[in-house]
Amino acid sequence: MKKNIHPEYRPVVFRDASAHHSFLTNSTRTSSTTVTWEDGKEYPVIDIEISSASHPFHTGRAAVRDAAGRIEQFRRRYGRTGVLTA
């Protein structure tokens, strides 16, 4: 590895404001805003819009699609009208 070309890899807090959820992980992202974490240390904080705490797939609020109904609707709309013969 070349020296002095890689960004600094350090602990960063990611905060999901919509779900009031935060987690501490390592990242190369930077921020001028800091927050005091549960261990009493200050870390840079990155605000994010969606995390596993607010994403519909992870929270169980995702709508399940009726695949069979969609296929039948496609066949009715675009299906063949006659029989092909060789």
N, C-alpha and C. Protein backbone atom coordinates (compact mmCIF):
# COMPACT_ATOMS: atom_id res chain seq x y z
N MET A 1 0.82 -1.18 0.00
CA MET A 1 0.00 0.00 0.00
C MET A 1 0.87 1.25 0.00
N LYS A 2 0.45 2.24 -0.74
CA LYS A 2 1.18 3.50 -0.75
C LYS A 2 0.88 4.28 0.52
N LYS A 3 1.85 5.01 0.98
CA LYS A 3 1.71 5.82 2.19
C LYS A 3 1.06 7.16 1.85
N ASN A 4 0.27 7.68 2.79
CA ASN A 4 -0.30 9.03 2.77
C ASN A 4 -1.27 9.30 1.62
N ILE A 5 -1.92 8.27 1.07
CA ILE A 5 -2.92 8.51 0.02
C ILE A 5 -4.31 8.06 0.46
N HIS A 6 -4.42 7.32 1.56
CA HIS A 6 -5.69 6.78 2.01
C HIS A 6 -6.34 7.70 3.04
N PRO A 7 -7.66 7.83 3.01
CA PRO A 7 -8.33 8.67 4.00
C PRO A 7 -8.26 8.03 5.39
N GLU A 8 -8.43 8.85 6.40
CA GLU A 8 -8.38 8.36 7.78
C GLU A 8 -9.61 7.51 8.07
N TYR A 9 -9.41 6.35 8.65
CA TYR A 9 -10.47 5.41 9.01
C TYR A 9 -10.64 5.46 10.51
N ARG A 10 -11.79 5.96 10.97
CA ARG A 10 -11.97 6.18 12.41
C ARG A 10 -13.43 5.95 12.80
N PRO A 11 -13.73 5.90 14.11
CA PRO A 11 -15.11 5.73 14.56
C PRO A 11 -15.96 6.96 14.22
N VAL A 12 -17.18 6.71 13.73
CA VAL A 12 -18.12 7.77 13.37
C VAL A 12 -19.51 7.32 13.81
N VAL A 13 -20.34 8.25 14.27
CA VAL A 13 -21.72 7.95 14.65
C VAL A 13 -22.62 8.30 13.48
N PHE A 14 -23.45 7.35 13.06
CA PHE A 14 -24.47 7.59 12.05
C PHE A 14 -25.81 7.72 12.77
N ARG A 15 -26.55 8.80 12.46
CA ARG A 15 -27.78 9.09 13.18
C ARG A 15 -28.96 9.17 12.20
N ASP A 16 -29.98 8.33 12.44
CA ASP A 16 -31.21 8.33 11.65
C ASP A 16 -32.23 9.14 12.44
N ALA A 17 -32.46 10.37 12.01
CA ALA A 17 -33.33 11.28 12.75
C ALA A 17 -34.79 10.84 12.71
N SER A 18 -35.24 10.20 11.62
CA SER A 18 -36.64 9.82 11.52
C SER A 18 -37.00 8.69 12.48
N ALA A 19 -36.05 7.83 12.82
CA ALA A 19 -36.32 6.71 13.72
C ALA A 19 -35.71 6.92 15.10
N HIS A 20 -35.03 8.04 15.31
CA HIS A 20 -34.35 8.32 16.58
C HIS A 20 -33.41 7.17 16.95
N HIS A 21 -32.60 6.79 15.97
CA HIS A 21 -31.69 5.66 16.13
C HIS A 21 -30.29 6.10 15.71
N SER A 22 -29.28 5.74 16.50
CA SER A 22 -27.89 6.05 16.19
C SER A 22 -27.05 4.80 16.37
N PHE A 23 -25.98 4.71 15.59
CA PHE A 23 -25.05 3.60 15.77
C PHE A 23 -23.64 4.07 15.49
N LEU A 24 -22.70 3.47 16.21
CA LEU A 24 -21.29 3.80 16.11
C LEU A 24 -20.60 2.74 15.27
N THR A 25 -19.88 3.18 14.24
CA THR A 25 -19.15 2.27 13.38
C THR A 25 -17.92 2.99 12.85
N ASN A 26 -17.06 2.30 12.16
CA ASN A 26 -15.88 2.91 11.56
C ASN A 26 -16.19 3.35 10.14
N SER A 27 -15.62 4.49 9.75
CA SER A 27 -15.87 5.03 8.43
C SER A 27 -14.78 6.02 8.05
N THR A 28 -14.72 6.35 6.76
CA THR A 28 -13.81 7.39 6.28
C THR A 28 -14.55 8.71 6.10
N ARG A 29 -15.87 8.74 6.31
CA ARG A 29 -16.64 9.96 6.18
C ARG A 29 -16.21 10.98 7.23
N THR A 30 -16.31 12.26 6.90
CA THR A 30 -15.93 13.31 7.83
C THR A 30 -17.13 14.21 8.09
N SER A 31 -17.09 14.89 9.21
CA SER A 31 -18.15 15.81 9.58
C SER A 31 -17.61 16.81 10.59
N SER A 32 -18.10 18.03 10.49
CA SER A 32 -17.69 19.04 11.45
C SER A 32 -18.55 18.99 12.71
N THR A 33 -19.68 18.30 12.64
CA THR A 33 -20.58 18.15 13.78
C THR A 33 -20.16 16.94 14.60
N THR A 34 -20.16 17.10 15.91
CA THR A 34 -19.79 15.99 16.79
C THR A 34 -20.91 15.73 17.79
N VAL A 35 -20.88 14.54 18.38
CA VAL A 35 -21.85 14.15 19.39
C VAL A 35 -21.11 13.33 20.45
N THR A 36 -21.57 13.42 21.68
CA THR A 36 -21.00 12.62 22.76
C THR A 36 -21.73 11.29 22.79
N TRP A 37 -20.98 10.20 22.64
CA TRP A 37 -21.55 8.87 22.59
C TRP A 37 -21.72 8.31 23.99
N GLU A 38 -22.30 7.14 24.13
CA GLU A 38 -22.58 6.51 25.42
C GLU A 38 -21.33 6.25 26.25
N ASP A 39 -20.18 6.12 25.60
CA ASP A 39 -18.94 5.86 26.34
C ASP A 39 -18.29 7.15 26.85
N GLY A 40 -18.91 8.31 26.59
CA GLY A 40 -18.40 9.58 27.06
C GLY A 40 -17.44 10.27 26.10
N LYS A 41 -17.08 9.63 25.01
CA LYS A 41 -16.18 10.22 24.02
C LYS A 41 -16.97 10.96 22.95
N GLU A 42 -16.32 11.94 22.32
CA GLU A 42 -16.94 12.69 21.23
C GLU A 42 -16.53 12.10 19.90
N TYR A 43 -17.53 11.92 19.02
CA TYR A 43 -17.30 11.38 17.69
C TYR A 43 -17.98 12.27 16.66
N PRO A 44 -17.47 12.29 15.43
CA PRO A 44 -18.17 13.00 14.36
C PRO A 44 -19.50 12.29 14.10
N VAL A 45 -20.53 13.06 13.74
CA VAL A 45 -21.85 12.48 13.50
C VAL A 45 -22.27 12.77 12.06
N ILE A 46 -22.81 11.74 11.38
CA ILE A 46 -23.32 11.85 10.02
C ILE A 46 -24.82 11.58 10.09
N ASP A 47 -25.65 12.54 9.65
CA ASP A 47 -27.09 12.35 9.62
C ASP A 47 -27.49 11.64 8.34
N ILE A 48 -28.28 10.57 8.47
CA ILE A 48 -28.73 9.79 7.32
C ILE A 48 -30.25 9.78 7.29
N GLU A 49 -30.82 9.55 6.12
CA GLU A 49 -32.27 9.56 5.95
C GLU A 49 -32.90 8.21 6.26
N ILE A 50 -32.23 7.12 5.89
CA ILE A 50 -32.80 5.78 6.06
C ILE A 50 -31.76 4.86 6.66
N SER A 51 -32.18 4.09 7.65
CA SER A 51 -31.33 3.05 8.23
C SER A 51 -32.18 1.80 8.40
N SER A 52 -31.61 0.77 8.98
CA SER A 52 -32.38 -0.46 9.20
C SER A 52 -33.53 -0.22 10.19
N ALA A 53 -33.45 0.83 11.00
CA ALA A 53 -34.51 1.12 11.95
C ALA A 53 -35.71 1.80 11.30
N SER A 54 -35.54 2.39 10.11
CA SER A 54 -36.65 3.09 9.47
C SER A 54 -37.00 2.55 8.09
N HIS A 55 -36.23 1.63 7.54
CA HIS A 55 -36.50 1.11 6.20
C HIS A 55 -37.69 0.14 6.24
N PRO A 56 -38.65 0.29 5.33
CA PRO A 56 -39.85 -0.57 5.36
C PRO A 56 -39.55 -2.06 5.28
N PHE A 57 -38.52 -2.46 4.57
CA PHE A 57 -38.20 -3.88 4.46
C PHE A 57 -37.80 -4.45 5.82
N HIS A 58 -37.00 -3.72 6.58
CA HIS A 58 -36.52 -4.21 7.88
C HIS A 58 -37.54 -4.05 8.99
N THR A 59 -38.48 -3.12 8.85
CA THR A 59 -39.47 -2.89 9.91
C THR A 59 -40.74 -3.71 9.71
N GLY A 60 -40.87 -4.38 8.56
CA GLY A 60 -42.06 -5.20 8.31
C GLY A 60 -43.22 -4.42 7.72
N ARG A 61 -43.00 -3.18 7.33
CA ARG A 61 -44.08 -2.37 6.75
C ARG A 61 -44.07 -2.41 5.23
N ALA A 62 -43.26 -3.27 4.63
CA ALA A 62 -43.18 -3.34 3.18
C ALA A 62 -44.43 -4.02 2.63
N ALA A 63 -44.94 -3.51 1.53
CA ALA A 63 -46.11 -4.09 0.89
C ALA A 63 -45.70 -5.32 0.09
N VAL A 64 -46.45 -6.38 0.22
CA VAL A 64 -46.18 -7.59 -0.52
C VAL A 64 -46.97 -7.53 -1.82
N ARG A 65 -46.30 -7.72 -2.93
CA ARG A 65 -46.93 -7.67 -4.25
C ARG A 65 -47.52 -9.04 -4.60
N ASP A 66 -48.65 -9.02 -5.27
CA ASP A 66 -49.27 -10.24 -5.74
C ASP A 66 -48.70 -10.55 -7.12
N ALA A 67 -47.66 -11.37 -7.16
CA ALA A 67 -46.96 -11.65 -8.42
C ALA A 67 -47.86 -12.40 -9.40
N ALA A 68 -48.64 -13.34 -8.91
CA ALA A 68 -49.50 -14.12 -9.81
C ALA A 68 -50.54 -13.21 -10.46
N GLY A 69 -51.11 -12.31 -9.71
CA GLY A 69 -52.11 -11.39 -10.26
C GLY A 69 -51.49 -10.45 -11.29
N ARG A 70 -50.29 -10.03 -11.07
CA ARG A 70 -49.63 -9.14 -12.03
C ARG A 70 -49.31 -9.88 -13.33
N ILE A 71 -48.95 -11.15 -13.23
CA ILE A 71 -48.66 -11.94 -14.43
C ILE A 71 -49.92 -12.14 -15.24
N GLU A 72 -51.02 -12.48 -14.57
CA GLU A 72 -52.29 -12.66 -15.28
C GLU A 72 -52.76 -11.36 -15.93
N GLN A 73 -52.57 -10.26 -15.26
CA GLN A 73 -52.94 -8.96 -15.83
C GLN A 73 -52.11 -8.68 -17.08
N PHE A 74 -50.81 -9.00 -17.05
CA PHE A 74 -49.95 -8.83 -18.22
C PHE A 74 -50.42 -9.71 -19.37
N ARG A 75 -50.75 -10.97 -19.07
CA ARG A 75 -51.21 -11.89 -20.12
C ARG A 75 -52.52 -11.44 -20.73
N ARG A 76 -53.43 -10.92 -19.92
CA ARG A 76 -54.70 -10.42 -20.46
C ARG A 76 -54.47 -9.22 -21.36
N ARG A 77 -53.56 -8.35 -20.96
CA ARG A 77 -53.31 -7.14 -21.72
C ARG A 77 -52.51 -7.39 -22.99
N TYR A 78 -51.47 -8.21 -22.90
CA TYR A 78 -50.55 -8.39 -24.02
C TYR A 78 -50.53 -9.82 -24.56
N GLY A 79 -51.43 -10.65 -24.12
CA GLY A 79 -51.43 -12.06 -24.54
C GLY A 79 -51.74 -12.21 -26.03
N ARG A 80 -51.41 -13.37 -26.52
CA ARG A 80 -51.66 -13.66 -27.94
C ARG A 80 -53.15 -13.85 -28.15
N THR A 81 -53.63 -13.44 -29.33
CA THR A 81 -55.05 -13.57 -29.65
C THR A 81 -55.33 -14.80 -30.50
N GLY A 82 -54.35 -15.38 -31.12
CA GLY A 82 -54.54 -16.55 -31.95
C GLY A 82 -53.51 -17.61 -31.65
N VAL A 83 -53.67 -18.74 -32.30
CA VAL A 83 -52.75 -19.84 -32.12
C VAL A 83 -51.74 -19.81 -33.26
N LEU A 84 -50.48 -19.93 -32.93
CA LEU A 84 -49.44 -19.94 -33.96
C LEU A 84 -49.32 -21.35 -34.53
N THR A 85 -49.18 -21.43 -35.83
CA THR A 85 -48.96 -22.72 -36.48
C THR A 85 -47.66 -22.67 -37.24
N ALA A 86 -47.03 -23.80 -37.32
CA ALA A 86 -45.73 -23.85 -37.99
C ALA A 86 -45.84 -24.00 -39.46
